[in-house]
Amino acid sequence: MISRTVQNWSPGSIVRVGFMRLRVLCCIATPGDYRPDAYALESIDRRSFYRFTPHHGITRVDTRQDAVEPSF
């Protein structure tokens, strides 16, 4: 049985996305596109960076700057 867990999505906390454990860098507001806010994430070893939008998926990006900048 899978139990629901509550995760802390504040900057600096560790979250699970699928099988990956990632550190939250920041929350990125996405006004006007009717999607949930996006999150900039980095791997625990700080080598990989990701952009995550709940219910829409996760995308690996090349640099920390790409993860953190809003994409309007």
N, C-alpha and C. Protein backbone atom coordinates (compact mmCIF):
# COMPACT_ATOMS: atom_id res chain seq x y z
N MET A 1 0.83 -1.17 0.00
CA MET A 1 0.00 0.00 0.00
C MET A 1 0.88 1.25 0.00
N ILE A 2 0.57 2.19 -0.85
CA ILE A 2 1.32 3.43 -0.93
C ILE A 2 0.61 4.47 -0.08
N SER A 3 1.33 5.05 0.85
CA SER A 3 0.73 6.09 1.69
C SER A 3 1.11 7.46 1.14
N ARG A 4 0.25 8.40 1.31
CA ARG A 4 0.53 9.75 0.85
C ARG A 4 1.48 10.43 1.83
N THR A 5 2.50 11.05 1.29
CA THR A 5 3.44 11.78 2.12
C THR A 5 3.35 13.26 1.78
N VAL A 6 3.55 14.07 2.77
CA VAL A 6 3.55 15.52 2.57
C VAL A 6 5.01 15.95 2.49
N GLN A 7 5.33 16.71 1.44
CA GLN A 7 6.69 17.17 1.25
C GLN A 7 6.78 18.67 1.49
N ASN A 8 7.90 19.08 1.98
CA ASN A 8 8.17 20.50 2.22
C ASN A 8 8.87 21.06 0.98
N TRP A 9 8.20 21.97 0.26
CA TRP A 9 8.73 22.53 -0.98
C TRP A 9 9.37 23.91 -0.77
N SER A 10 9.83 24.20 0.43
CA SER A 10 10.51 25.47 0.67
C SER A 10 11.96 25.37 0.21
N PRO A 11 12.57 26.50 -0.18
CA PRO A 11 13.96 26.47 -0.66
C PRO A 11 14.91 25.83 0.34
N GLY A 12 15.78 24.96 -0.16
CA GLY A 12 16.76 24.28 0.68
C GLY A 12 16.33 22.91 1.14
N SER A 13 15.05 22.58 1.03
CA SER A 13 14.59 21.27 1.49
C SER A 13 14.79 20.21 0.40
N ILE A 14 14.80 18.96 0.81
CA ILE A 14 14.97 17.81 -0.08
C ILE A 14 13.59 17.22 -0.36
N VAL A 15 13.28 17.00 -1.65
CA VAL A 15 11.99 16.43 -2.04
C VAL A 15 12.24 15.22 -2.94
N ARG A 16 11.22 14.38 -3.06
CA ARG A 16 11.27 13.24 -3.97
C ARG A 16 10.39 13.53 -5.17
N VAL A 17 10.95 13.40 -6.36
CA VAL A 17 10.20 13.51 -7.61
C VAL A 17 10.46 12.21 -8.34
N GLY A 18 9.47 11.35 -8.38
CA GLY A 18 9.67 10.02 -8.93
C GLY A 18 10.65 9.27 -8.05
N PHE A 19 11.71 8.75 -8.64
CA PHE A 19 12.73 8.03 -7.88
C PHE A 19 13.90 8.92 -7.48
N MET A 20 13.87 10.20 -7.86
CA MET A 20 14.99 11.11 -7.58
C MET A 20 14.76 11.90 -6.29
N ARG A 21 15.84 12.13 -5.57
CA ARG A 21 15.82 13.03 -4.42
C ARG A 21 16.54 14.30 -4.85
N LEU A 22 15.84 15.45 -4.77
CA LEU A 22 16.38 16.71 -5.27
C LEU A 22 16.23 17.80 -4.22
N ARG A 23 17.10 18.81 -4.31
CA ARG A 23 17.05 19.97 -3.41
C ARG A 23 16.31 21.10 -4.13
N VAL A 24 15.39 21.74 -3.41
CA VAL A 24 14.62 22.85 -3.96
C VAL A 24 15.47 24.11 -3.93
N LEU A 25 15.62 24.76 -5.09
CA LEU A 25 16.35 26.03 -5.16
C LEU A 25 15.41 27.20 -4.94
N CYS A 26 14.27 27.20 -5.66
CA CYS A 26 13.30 28.28 -5.50
C CYS A 26 11.99 27.91 -6.19
N CYS A 27 10.96 28.67 -5.87
CA CYS A 27 9.67 28.54 -6.53
C CYS A 27 9.58 29.66 -7.57
N ILE A 28 9.11 29.32 -8.76
CA ILE A 28 9.03 30.30 -9.84
C ILE A 28 7.56 30.52 -10.17
N ALA A 29 7.06 31.72 -9.91
CA ALA A 29 5.67 32.05 -10.19
C ALA A 29 5.44 32.04 -11.70
N THR A 30 4.31 31.48 -12.12
CA THR A 30 3.99 31.39 -13.54
C THR A 30 2.63 32.02 -13.80
N PRO A 31 2.51 33.33 -13.65
CA PRO A 31 1.21 33.97 -13.87
C PRO A 31 0.84 33.98 -15.35
N GLY A 32 -0.42 33.81 -15.62
CA GLY A 32 -0.91 33.95 -16.98
C GLY A 32 -0.92 32.69 -17.82
N ASP A 33 -0.24 31.61 -17.40
CA ASP A 33 -0.26 30.41 -18.24
C ASP A 33 -1.18 29.33 -17.68
N TYR A 34 -1.87 29.61 -16.58
CA TYR A 34 -2.86 28.72 -15.96
C TYR A 34 -2.28 27.38 -15.53
N ARG A 35 -0.99 27.33 -15.30
CA ARG A 35 -0.33 26.14 -14.77
C ARG A 35 0.06 26.40 -13.32
N PRO A 36 0.35 25.34 -12.55
CA PRO A 36 0.87 25.55 -11.19
C PRO A 36 2.25 26.20 -11.26
N ASP A 37 2.67 26.78 -10.15
CA ASP A 37 4.01 27.37 -10.09
C ASP A 37 5.06 26.30 -10.34
N ALA A 38 6.16 26.70 -10.96
CA ALA A 38 7.26 25.79 -11.26
C ALA A 38 8.28 25.84 -10.12
N TYR A 39 9.12 24.84 -10.05
CA TYR A 39 10.17 24.78 -9.04
C TYR A 39 11.50 24.52 -9.72
N ALA A 40 12.54 25.23 -9.28
CA ALA A 40 13.90 24.98 -9.73
C ALA A 40 14.52 24.01 -8.72
N LEU A 41 15.09 22.92 -9.24
CA LEU A 41 15.64 21.87 -8.39
C LEU A 41 17.05 21.53 -8.82
N GLU A 42 17.84 21.00 -7.87
CA GLU A 42 19.18 20.52 -8.20
C GLU A 42 19.39 19.17 -7.54
N SER A 43 20.26 18.38 -8.13
CA SER A 43 20.56 17.07 -7.56
C SER A 43 21.32 17.25 -6.25
N ILE A 44 21.34 16.22 -5.45
CA ILE A 44 22.01 16.28 -4.15
C ILE A 44 23.50 16.56 -4.33
N ASP A 45 24.12 16.01 -5.38
CA ASP A 45 25.55 16.24 -5.61
C ASP A 45 25.83 17.55 -6.36
N ARG A 46 24.78 18.30 -6.66
CA ARG A 46 24.86 19.63 -7.31
C ARG A 46 25.46 19.59 -8.72
N ARG A 47 25.27 18.48 -9.43
CA ARG A 47 25.78 18.37 -10.80
C ARG A 47 24.69 18.56 -11.85
N SER A 48 23.44 18.30 -11.50
CA SER A 48 22.33 18.36 -12.45
C SER A 48 21.27 19.32 -11.95
N PHE A 49 20.62 20.00 -12.90
CA PHE A 49 19.59 20.98 -12.55
C PHE A 49 18.31 20.66 -13.31
N TYR A 50 17.17 20.93 -12.67
CA TYR A 50 15.88 20.56 -13.23
C TYR A 50 14.86 21.67 -13.03
N ARG A 51 13.84 21.66 -13.88
CA ARG A 51 12.67 22.53 -13.73
C ARG A 51 11.48 21.60 -13.60
N PHE A 52 10.70 21.74 -12.52
CA PHE A 52 9.57 20.85 -12.25
C PHE A 52 8.28 21.66 -12.13
N THR A 53 7.25 21.23 -12.86
CA THR A 53 5.91 21.80 -12.75
C THR A 53 4.96 20.67 -12.36
N PRO A 54 4.30 20.75 -11.20
CA PRO A 54 3.39 19.69 -10.78
C PRO A 54 2.34 19.40 -11.86
N HIS A 55 2.07 18.13 -12.07
CA HIS A 55 1.09 17.62 -13.05
C HIS A 55 1.50 17.82 -14.50
N HIS A 56 2.68 18.41 -14.75
CA HIS A 56 3.15 18.61 -16.12
C HIS A 56 4.52 17.99 -16.35
N GLY A 57 5.24 17.66 -15.29
CA GLY A 57 6.49 16.93 -15.45
C GLY A 57 7.74 17.69 -15.07
N ILE A 58 8.84 16.99 -15.26
CA ILE A 58 10.16 17.51 -14.90
C ILE A 58 11.03 17.56 -16.16
N THR A 59 11.86 18.59 -16.26
CA THR A 59 12.75 18.77 -17.40
C THR A 59 14.15 19.05 -16.89
N ARG A 60 15.13 18.35 -17.44
CA ARG A 60 16.52 18.63 -17.08
C ARG A 60 17.00 19.81 -17.91
N VAL A 61 17.70 20.75 -17.26
CA VAL A 61 18.25 21.91 -17.94
C VAL A 61 19.77 21.90 -17.77
N ASP A 62 20.46 22.70 -18.58
CA ASP A 62 21.92 22.66 -18.61
C ASP A 62 22.59 23.34 -17.42
N THR A 63 22.07 24.50 -17.02
CA THR A 63 22.73 25.27 -15.97
C THR A 63 21.76 25.66 -14.86
N ARG A 64 22.33 26.07 -13.75
CA ARG A 64 21.51 26.54 -12.64
C ARG A 64 20.70 27.77 -13.05
N GLN A 65 21.29 28.65 -13.85
CA GLN A 65 20.62 29.86 -14.34
C GLN A 65 19.38 29.50 -15.14
N ASP A 66 19.46 28.47 -15.99
CA ASP A 66 18.30 28.04 -16.77
C ASP A 66 17.18 27.52 -15.88
N ALA A 67 17.54 26.87 -14.79
CA ALA A 67 16.54 26.33 -13.87
C ALA A 67 15.81 27.44 -13.12
N VAL A 68 16.54 28.48 -12.74
CA VAL A 68 16.00 29.53 -11.87
C VAL A 68 15.25 30.61 -12.63
N GLU A 69 15.65 30.92 -13.86
CA GLU A 69 15.02 32.00 -14.61
C GLU A 69 13.61 31.65 -15.05
N PRO A 70 12.67 32.60 -14.92
CA PRO A 70 11.32 32.36 -15.46
C PRO A 70 11.37 32.26 -16.97
N SER A 71 10.56 31.40 -17.53
CA SER A 71 10.52 31.26 -19.00
C SER A 71 9.19 31.77 -19.53
N PHE A 72 9.12 33.08 -19.72
CA PHE A 72 7.87 33.69 -20.22
C PHE A 72 7.86 33.73 -21.70
